[in-house]
Amino acid sequence: MRNFSSAVRCSYKRLLEGFTPSQAYTIARQKFPELNSHYVNCAVEKAREIFQSCKARGQNPKSSSLVVEPYLKNSRKNIFKEED
């Protein structure tokens, strides 16, 4: 799951830089060789959907909280549970 989330963030950043989804796929595939191609494809597709959704709603797609925030909320909950 951690590698998939990292692949989503990597793909999203490539889309922000103006790369096409196929170019983002190639970059993510090289950066995360341990993920199989289906997961990399899903990560790029998820990043593309988030990117397009932000643009459609008129939000700033460069706001990193749109991608990272859901993962941070879950990890904070898990960290505090482990400390108790």
PDB file of N, CA and C in Angstrom:
ATOM      1  N   MET A   1       0.830  -1.194   0.000  1.00  0.00           N
ATOM      2  CA  MET A   1       0.000   0.000   0.000  1.00  0.00           C
ATOM      3  C   MET A   1       0.873   1.257   0.000  1.00  0.00           C
ATOM      4  N   ARG A   2       1.979   1.212   0.725  1.00  0.00           N
ATOM      5  CA  ARG A   2       2.859   2.376   0.786  1.00  0.00           C
ATOM      6  C   ARG A   2       3.439   2.688  -0.590  1.00  0.00           C
ATOM      7  N   ASN A   3       3.852   1.653  -1.306  1.00  0.00           N
ATOM      8  CA  ASN A   3       4.409   1.885  -2.635  1.00  0.00           C
ATOM      9  C   ASN A   3       3.344   2.392  -3.604  1.00  0.00           C
ATOM     10  N   PHE A   4       2.123   1.888  -3.475  1.00  0.00           N
ATOM     11  CA  PHE A   4       1.044   2.350  -4.340  1.00  0.00           C
ATOM     12  C   PHE A   4       0.760   3.830  -4.081  1.00  0.00           C
ATOM     13  N   SER A   5       0.702   4.223  -2.825  1.00  0.00           N
ATOM     14  CA  SER A   5       0.458   5.622  -2.480  1.00  0.00           C
ATOM     15  C   SER A   5       1.576   6.515  -3.004  1.00  0.00           C
ATOM     16  N   SER A   6       2.797   6.032  -2.908  1.00  0.00           N
ATOM     17  CA  SER A   6       3.934   6.787  -3.431  1.00  0.00           C
ATOM     18  C   SER A   6       3.853   6.911  -4.947  1.00  0.00           C
ATOM     19  N   ALA A   7       3.401   5.856  -5.597  1.00  0.00           N
ATOM     20  CA  ALA A   7       3.246   5.898  -7.056  1.00  0.00           C
ATOM     21  C   ALA A   7       2.154   6.886  -7.467  1.00  0.00           C
ATOM     22  N   VAL A   8       1.090   6.967  -6.674  1.00  0.00           N
ATOM     23  CA  VAL A   8       0.019   7.941  -6.956  1.00  0.00           C
ATOM     24  C   VAL A   8       0.575   9.356  -6.843  1.00  0.00           C
ATOM     25  N   ARG A   9       1.304   9.628  -5.754  1.00  0.00           N
ATOM     26  CA  ARG A   9       1.865  10.969  -5.559  1.00  0.00           C
ATOM     27  C   ARG A   9       2.879  11.313  -6.650  1.00  0.00           C
ATOM     28  N   CYS A  10       3.714  10.352  -7.004  1.00  0.00           N
ATOM     29  CA  CYS A  10       4.703  10.565  -8.067  1.00  0.00           C
ATOM     30  C   CYS A  10       3.997  10.874  -9.395  1.00  0.00           C
ATOM     31  N   SER A  11       2.981  10.115  -9.710  1.00  0.00           N
ATOM     32  CA  SER A  11       2.245  10.326 -10.961  1.00  0.00           C
ATOM     33  C   SER A  11       1.543  11.669 -10.967  1.00  0.00           C
ATOM     34  N   TYR A  12       0.960  12.036  -9.826  1.00  0.00           N
ATOM     35  CA  TYR A  12       0.266  13.324  -9.722  1.00  0.00           C
ATOM     36  C   TYR A  12       1.238  14.476  -9.948  1.00  0.00           C
ATOM     37  N   LYS A  13       2.417  14.365  -9.373  1.00  0.00           N
ATOM     38  CA  LYS A  13       3.418  15.419  -9.560  1.00  0.00           C
ATOM     39  C   LYS A  13       3.860  15.505 -11.012  1.00  0.00           C
ATOM     40  N   ARG A  14       3.977  14.365 -11.682  1.00  0.00           N
ATOM     41  CA  ARG A  14       4.348  14.389 -13.099  1.00  0.00           C
ATOM     42  C   ARG A  14       3.242  15.040 -13.923  1.00  0.00           C
ATOM     43  N   LEU A  15       1.998  14.774 -13.588  1.00  0.00           N
ATOM     44  CA  LEU A  15       0.883  15.404 -14.310  1.00  0.00           C
ATOM     45  C   LEU A  15       0.886  16.916 -14.093  1.00  0.00           C
ATOM     46  N   LEU A  16       1.232  17.340 -12.872  1.00  0.00           N
ATOM     47  CA  LEU A  16       1.334  18.781 -12.601  1.00  0.00           C
ATOM     48  C   LEU A  16       2.437  19.425 -13.436  1.00  0.00           C
ATOM     49  N   GLU A  17       3.487  18.670 -13.697  1.00  0.00           N
ATOM     50  CA  GLU A  17       4.604  19.182 -14.491  1.00  0.00           C
ATOM     51  C   GLU A  17       4.295  19.200 -15.982  1.00  0.00           C
ATOM     52  N   GLY A  18       3.142  18.666 -16.366  1.00  0.00           N
ATOM     53  CA  GLY A  18       2.739  18.719 -17.768  1.00  0.00           C
ATOM     54  C   GLY A  18       2.992  17.454 -18.554  1.00  0.00           C
ATOM     55  N   PHE A  19       3.393  16.378 -17.895  1.00  0.00           N
ATOM     56  CA  PHE A  19       3.588  15.117 -18.588  1.00  0.00           C
ATOM     57  C   PHE A  19       2.235  14.500 -18.938  1.00  0.00           C
ATOM     58  N   THR A  20       2.202  13.689 -19.969  1.00  0.00           N
ATOM     59  CA  THR A  20       0.989  12.958 -20.323  1.00  0.00           C
ATOM     60  C   THR A  20       0.862  11.756 -19.388  1.00  0.00           C
ATOM     61  N   PRO A  21      -0.330  11.168 -19.273  1.00  0.00           N
ATOM     62  CA  PRO A  21      -0.462   9.972 -18.429  1.00  0.00           C
ATOM     63  C   PRO A  21       0.446   8.818 -18.861  1.00  0.00           C
ATOM     64  N   SER A  22       0.665   8.652 -20.147  1.00  0.00           N
ATOM     65  CA  SER A  22       1.558   7.571 -20.587  1.00  0.00           C
ATOM     66  C   SER A  22       3.005   7.849 -20.186  1.00  0.00           C
ATOM     67  N   GLN A  23       3.414   9.117 -20.216  1.00  0.00           N
ATOM     68  CA  GLN A  23       4.759   9.458 -19.753  1.00  0.00           C
ATOM     69  C   GLN A  23       4.866   9.280 -18.243  1.00  0.00           C
ATOM     70  N   ALA A  24       3.810   9.644 -17.514  1.00  0.00           N
ATOM     71  CA  ALA A  24       3.787   9.459 -16.059  1.00  0.00           C
ATOM     72  C   ALA A  24       3.855   7.971 -15.725  1.00  0.00           C
ATOM     73  N   TYR A  25       3.188   7.146 -16.519  1.00  0.00           N
ATOM     74  CA  TYR A  25       3.243   5.699 -16.318  1.00  0.00           C
ATOM     75  C   TYR A  25       4.669   5.179 -16.471  1.00  0.00           C
ATOM     76  N   THR A  26       5.346   5.619 -17.526  1.00  0.00           N
ATOM     77  CA  THR A  26       6.716   5.170 -17.777  1.00  0.00           C
ATOM     78  C   THR A  26       7.642   5.570 -16.629  1.00  0.00           C
ATOM     79  N   ILE A  27       7.505   6.787 -16.149  1.00  0.00           N
ATOM     80  CA  ILE A  27       8.339   7.263 -15.052  1.00  0.00           C
ATOM     81  C   ILE A  27       8.042   6.488 -13.771  1.00  0.00           C
ATOM     82  N   ALA A  28       6.758   6.306 -13.460  1.00  0.00           N
ATOM     83  CA  ALA A  28       6.381   5.575 -12.251  1.00  0.00           C
ATOM     84  C   ALA A  28       6.816   4.116 -12.336  1.00  0.00           C
ATOM     85  N   ARG A  29       6.737   3.542 -13.509  1.00  0.00           N
ATOM     86  CA  ARG A  29       7.159   2.143 -13.706  1.00  0.00           C
ATOM     87  C   ARG A  29       8.647   1.991 -13.435  1.00  0.00           C
ATOM     88  N   GLN A  30       9.440   2.963 -13.869  1.00  0.00           N
ATOM     89  CA  GLN A  30      10.884   2.921 -13.627  1.00  0.00           C
ATOM     90  C   GLN A  30      11.208   3.183 -12.166  1.00  0.00           C
ATOM     91  N   LYS A  31      10.451   4.066 -11.539  1.00  0.00           N
ATOM     92  CA  LYS A  31      10.737   4.437 -10.155  1.00  0.00           C
ATOM     93  C   LYS A  31      10.273   3.373  -9.162  1.00  0.00           C
ATOM     94  N   PHE A  32       9.239   2.627  -9.515  1.00  0.00           N
ATOM     95  CA  PHE A  32       8.694   1.595  -8.631  1.00  0.00           C
ATOM     96  C   PHE A  32       8.671   0.237  -9.335  1.00  0.00           C
ATOM     97  N   PRO A  33       9.830  -0.360  -9.546  1.00  0.00           N
ATOM     98  CA  PRO A  33       9.869  -1.643 -10.264  1.00  0.00           C
ATOM     99  C   PRO A  33       9.248  -2.798  -9.476  1.00  0.00           C
ATOM    100  N   GLU A  34       9.109  -2.629  -8.152  1.00  0.00           N
ATOM    101  CA  GLU A  34       8.534  -3.708  -7.343  1.00  0.00           C
ATOM    102  C   GLU A  34       7.017  -3.815  -7.504  1.00  0.00           C
ATOM    103  N   LEU A  35       6.362  -2.753  -8.001  1.00  0.00           N
ATOM    104  CA  LEU A  35       4.922  -2.803  -8.260  1.00  0.00           C
ATOM    105  C   LEU A  35       4.673  -3.446  -9.620  1.00  0.00           C
ATOM    106  N   ASN A  36       3.647  -4.285  -9.678  1.00  0.00           N
ATOM    107  CA  ASN A  36       3.360  -4.843 -10.997  1.00  0.00           C
ATOM    108  C   ASN A  36       2.661  -3.783 -11.853  1.00  0.00           C
ATOM    109  N   SER A  37       2.606  -4.013 -13.126  1.00  0.00           N
ATOM    110  CA  SER A  37       2.146  -2.993 -14.068  1.00  0.00           C
ATOM    111  C   SER A  37       0.689  -2.585 -13.823  1.00  0.00           C
ATOM    112  N   HIS A  38      -0.133  -3.505 -13.327  1.00  0.00           N
ATOM    113  CA  HIS A  38      -1.538  -3.177 -13.048  1.00  0.00           C
ATOM    114  C   HIS A  38      -1.627  -2.099 -11.967  1.00  0.00           C
ATOM    115  N   TYR A  39      -0.848  -2.256 -10.896  1.00  0.00           N
ATOM    116  CA  TYR A  39      -0.875  -1.274  -9.815  1.00  0.00           C
ATOM    117  C   TYR A  39      -0.338   0.080 -10.267  1.00  0.00           C
ATOM    118  N   VAL A  40       0.692   0.077 -11.091  1.00  0.00           N
ATOM    119  CA  VAL A  40       1.235   1.337 -11.600  1.00  0.00           C
ATOM    120  C   VAL A  40       0.193   2.015 -12.481  1.00  0.00           C
ATOM    121  N   ASN A  41      -0.470   1.242 -13.312  1.00  0.00           N
ATOM    122  CA  ASN A  41      -1.511   1.790 -14.177  1.00  0.00           C
ATOM    123  C   ASN A  41      -2.650   2.372 -13.341  1.00  0.00           C
ATOM    124  N   CYS A  42      -3.050   1.677 -12.292  1.00  0.00           N
ATOM    125  CA  CYS A  42      -4.117   2.171 -11.403  1.00  0.00           C
ATOM    126  C   CYS A  42      -3.676   3.441 -10.679  1.00  0.00           C
ATOM    127  N   ALA A  43      -2.412   3.512 -10.283  1.00  0.00           N
ATOM    128  CA  ALA A  43      -1.896   4.698  -9.598  1.00  0.00           C
ATOM    129  C   ALA A  43      -1.935   5.916 -10.517  1.00  0.00           C
ATOM    130  N   VAL A  44      -1.530   5.731 -11.761  1.00  0.00           N
ATOM    131  CA  VAL A  44      -1.551   6.833 -12.733  1.00  0.00           C
ATOM    132  C   VAL A  44      -2.996   7.247 -13.012  1.00  0.00           C
ATOM    133  N   GLU A  45      -3.872   6.284 -13.123  1.00  0.00           N
ATOM    134  CA  GLU A  45      -5.283   6.584 -13.390  1.00  0.00           C
ATOM    135  C   GLU A  45      -5.916   7.339 -12.213  1.00  0.00           C
ATOM    136  N   LYS A  46      -5.590   6.938 -11.005  1.00  0.00           N
ATOM    137  CA  LYS A  46      -6.116   7.620  -9.824  1.00  0.00           C
ATOM    138  C   LYS A  46      -5.596   9.052  -9.762  1.00  0.00           C
ATOM    139  N   ALA A  47      -4.316   9.241 -10.045  1.00  0.00           N
ATOM    140  CA  ALA A  47      -3.730  10.587 -10.054  1.00  0.00           C
ATOM    141  C   ALA A  47      -4.386  11.447 -11.133  1.00  0.00           C
ATOM    142  N   ARG A  48      -4.637  10.856 -12.296  1.00  0.00           N
ATOM    143  CA  ARG A  48      -5.275  11.595 -13.387  1.00  0.00           C
ATOM    144  C   ARG A  48      -6.699  12.008 -13.008  1.00  0.00           C
ATOM    145  N   GLU A  49      -7.415  11.111 -12.347  1.00  0.00           N
ATOM    146  CA  GLU A  49      -8.784  11.422 -11.922  1.00  0.00           C
ATOM    147  C   GLU A  49      -8.804  12.546 -10.897  1.00  0.00           C
ATOM    148  N   ILE A  50      -7.871  12.514  -9.949  1.00  0.00           N
ATOM    149  CA  ILE A  50      -7.788  13.577  -8.944  1.00  0.00           C
ATOM    150  C   ILE A  50      -7.447  14.900  -9.615  1.00  0.00           C
ATOM    151  N   PHE A  51      -6.506  14.865 -10.542  1.00  0.00           N
ATOM    152  CA  PHE A  51      -6.083  16.062 -11.264  1.00  0.00           C
ATOM    153  C   PHE A  51      -7.248  16.670 -12.039  1.00  0.00           C
ATOM    154  N   GLN A  52      -7.973  15.841 -12.779  1.00  0.00           N
ATOM    155  CA  GLN A  52      -9.105  16.334 -13.562  1.00  0.00           C
ATOM    156  C   GLN A  52     -10.244  16.805 -12.677  1.00  0.00           C
ATOM    157  N   SER A  53     -10.455  16.137 -11.558  1.00  0.00           N
ATOM    158  CA  SER A  53     -11.503  16.533 -10.627  1.00  0.00           C
ATOM    159  C   SER A  53     -11.220  17.917 -10.047  1.00  0.00           C
ATOM    160  N   CYS A  54      -9.972  18.172  -9.708  1.00  0.00           N
ATOM    161  CA  CYS A  54      -9.591  19.491  -9.172  1.00  0.00           C
ATOM    162  C   CYS A  54      -9.827  20.584 -10.206  1.00  0.00           C
ATOM    163  N   LYS A  55      -9.448  20.314 -11.427  1.00  0.00           N
ATOM    164  CA  LYS A  55      -9.633  21.301 -12.480  1.00  0.00           C
ATOM    165  C   LYS A  55     -11.115  21.559 -12.741  1.00  0.00           C
ATOM    166  N   ALA A  56     -11.921  20.500 -12.694  1.00  0.00           N
ATOM    167  CA  ALA A  56     -13.358  20.649 -12.949  1.00  0.00           C
ATOM    168  C   ALA A  56     -14.050  21.440 -11.843  1.00  0.00           C
ATOM    169  N   ARG A  57     -13.593  21.293 -10.600  1.00  0.00           N
ATOM    170  CA  ARG A  57     -14.192  22.012  -9.477  1.00  0.00           C
ATOM    171  C   ARG A  57     -13.615  23.405  -9.299  1.00  0.00           C
ATOM    172  N   GLY A  58     -12.611  23.740 -10.083  1.00  0.00           N
ATOM    173  CA  GLY A  58     -12.005  25.057  -9.997  1.00  0.00           C
ATOM    174  C   GLY A  58     -11.016  25.195  -8.852  1.00  0.00           C
ATOM    175  N   GLN A  59     -10.577  24.072  -8.287  1.00  0.00           N
ATOM    176  CA  GLN A  59      -9.585  24.117  -7.217  1.00  0.00           C
ATOM    177  C   GLN A  59      -8.185  24.149  -7.808  1.00  0.00           C
ATOM    178  N   ASN A  60      -7.259  24.579  -6.996  1.00  0.00           N
ATOM    179  CA  ASN A  60      -5.867  24.612  -7.422  1.00  0.00           C
ATOM    180  C   ASN A  60      -5.307  23.194  -7.386  1.00  0.00           C
ATOM    181  N   PRO A  61      -4.969  22.608  -8.539  1.00  0.00           N
ATOM    182  CA  PRO A  61      -4.455  21.231  -8.533  1.00  0.00           C
ATOM    183  C   PRO A  61      -3.059  21.119  -7.935  1.00  0.00           C
ATOM    184  N   LYS A  62      -2.391  22.240  -7.712  1.00  0.00           N
ATOM    185  CA  LYS A  62      -1.053  22.187  -7.130  1.00  0.00           C
ATOM    186  C   LYS A  62      -1.071  22.049  -5.620  1.00  0.00           C
ATOM    187  N   SER A  63      -2.242  22.109  -5.030  1.00  0.00           N
ATOM    188  CA  SER A  63      -2.365  21.946  -3.592  1.00  0.00           C
ATOM    189  C   SER A  63      -2.110  20.484  -3.248  1.00  0.00           C
ATOM    190  N   SER A  64      -0.985  20.210  -2.606  1.00  0.00           N
ATOM    191  CA  SER A  64      -0.595  18.829  -2.335  1.00  0.00           C
ATOM    192  C   SER A  64      -1.506  18.160  -1.321  1.00  0.00           C
ATOM    193  N   SER A  65      -2.277  18.924  -0.545  1.00  0.00           N
ATOM    194  CA  SER A  65      -3.143  18.313   0.458  1.00  0.00           C
ATOM    195  C   SER A  65      -4.236  17.468  -0.179  1.00  0.00           C
ATOM    196  N   LEU A  66      -4.549  17.711  -1.448  1.00  0.00           N
ATOM    197  CA  LEU A  66      -5.593  16.940  -2.114  1.00  0.00           C
ATOM    198  C   LEU A  66      -5.201  15.479  -2.255  1.00  0.00           C
ATOM    199  N   VAL A  67      -3.919  15.211  -2.429  1.00  0.00           N
ATOM    200  CA  VAL A  67      -3.456  13.838  -2.602  1.00  0.00           C
ATOM    201  C   VAL A  67      -2.958  13.264  -1.290  1.00  0.00           C
ATOM    202  N   VAL A  68      -2.240  14.037  -0.531  1.00  0.00           N
ATOM    203  CA  VAL A  68      -1.550  13.523   0.644  1.00  0.00           C
ATOM    204  C   VAL A  68      -2.450  13.483   1.875  1.00  0.00           C
ATOM    205  N   GLU A  69      -3.363  14.404   2.018  1.00  0.00           N
ATOM    206  CA  GLU A  69      -4.147  14.540   3.244  1.00  0.00           C
ATOM    207  C   GLU A  69      -4.886  13.270   3.658  1.00  0.00           C
ATOM    208  N   PRO A  70      -5.585  12.561   2.761  1.00  0.00           N
ATOM    209  CA  PRO A  70      -6.275  11.344   3.221  1.00  0.00           C
ATOM    210  C   PRO A  70      -5.313  10.307   3.792  1.00  0.00           C
ATOM    211  N   TYR A  71      -4.122  10.200   3.229  1.00  0.00           N
ATOM    212  CA  TYR A  71      -3.153   9.232   3.714  1.00  0.00           C
ATOM    213  C   TYR A  71      -2.579   9.660   5.065  1.00  0.00           C
ATOM    214  N   LEU A  72      -2.370  10.958   5.248  1.00  0.00           N
ATOM    215  CA  LEU A  72      -1.839  11.450   6.509  1.00  0.00           C
ATOM    216  C   LEU A  72      -2.832  11.243   7.643  1.00  0.00           C
ATOM    217  N   LYS A  73      -4.107  11.460   7.385  1.00  0.00           N
ATOM    218  CA  LYS A  73      -5.119  11.272   8.424  1.00  0.00           C
ATOM    219  C   LYS A  73      -5.107   9.833   8.922  1.00  0.00           C
ATOM    220  N   ASN A  74      -5.061   8.886   8.005  1.00  0.00           N
ATOM    221  CA  ASN A  74      -5.060   7.480   8.394  1.00  0.00           C
ATOM    222  C   ASN A  74      -3.782   7.113   9.134  1.00  0.00           C
ATOM    223  N   SER A  75      -2.645   7.621   8.692  1.00  0.00           N
ATOM    224  CA  SER A  75      -1.392   7.269   9.343  1.00  0.00           C
ATOM    225  C   SER A  75      -1.309   7.888  10.733  1.00  0.00           C
ATOM    226  N   ARG A  76      -1.852   9.081  10.922  1.00  0.00           N
ATOM    227  CA  ARG A  76      -1.857   9.691  12.250  1.00  0.00           C
ATOM    228  C   ARG A  76      -2.679   8.861  13.221  1.00  0.00           C
ATOM    229  N   LYS A  77      -3.825   8.370  12.761  1.00  0.00           N
ATOM    230  CA  LYS A  77      -4.661   7.531  13.617  1.00  0.00           C
ATOM    231  C   LYS A  77      -3.910   6.277  14.028  1.00  0.00           C
ATOM    232  N   ASN A  78      -3.224   5.661  13.076  1.00  0.00           N
ATOM    233  CA  ASN A  78      -2.498   4.441  13.361  1.00  0.00           C
ATOM    234  C   ASN A  78      -1.323   4.686  14.293  1.00  0.00           C
ATOM    235  N   ILE A  79      -0.648   5.811  14.148  1.00  0.00           N
ATOM    236  CA  ILE A  79       0.497   6.121  15.000  1.00  0.00           C
ATOM    237  C   ILE A  79       0.040   6.295  16.454  1.00  0.00           C
ATOM    238  N   PHE A  80      -1.053   7.026  16.634  1.00  0.00           N
ATOM    239  CA  PHE A  80      -1.527   7.259  17.996  1.00  0.00           C
ATOM    240  C   PHE A  80      -2.086   5.985  18.630  1.00  0.00           C
ATOM    241  N   LYS A  81      -2.643   5.102  17.838  1.00  0.00           N
ATOM    242  CA  LYS A  81      -3.145   3.831  18.376  1.00  0.00           C
ATOM    243  C   LYS A  81      -1.992   2.971  18.860  1.00  0.00           C
ATOM    244  N   GLU A  82      -0.872   2.982  18.109  1.00  0.00           N
ATOM    245  CA  GLU A  82       0.275   2.152  18.462  1.00  0.00           C
ATOM    246  C   GLU A  82       0.960   2.643  19.735  1.00  0.00           C
ATOM    247  N   GLU A  83       0.910   3.956  19.996  1.00  0.00           N
ATOM    248  CA  GLU A  83       1.578   4.490  21.167  1.00  0.00           C
ATOM    249  C   GLU A  83       0.823   4.188  22.444  1.00  0.00           C
ATOM    250  N   ASP A  84      -0.483   3.999  22.387  1.00  0.00           N
ATOM    251  CA  ASP A  84      -1.271   3.757  23.596  1.00  0.00           C
ATOM    252  C   ASP A  84      -0.994   2.424  24.219  1.00  0.00           C
TER     253      ASP A  84
END
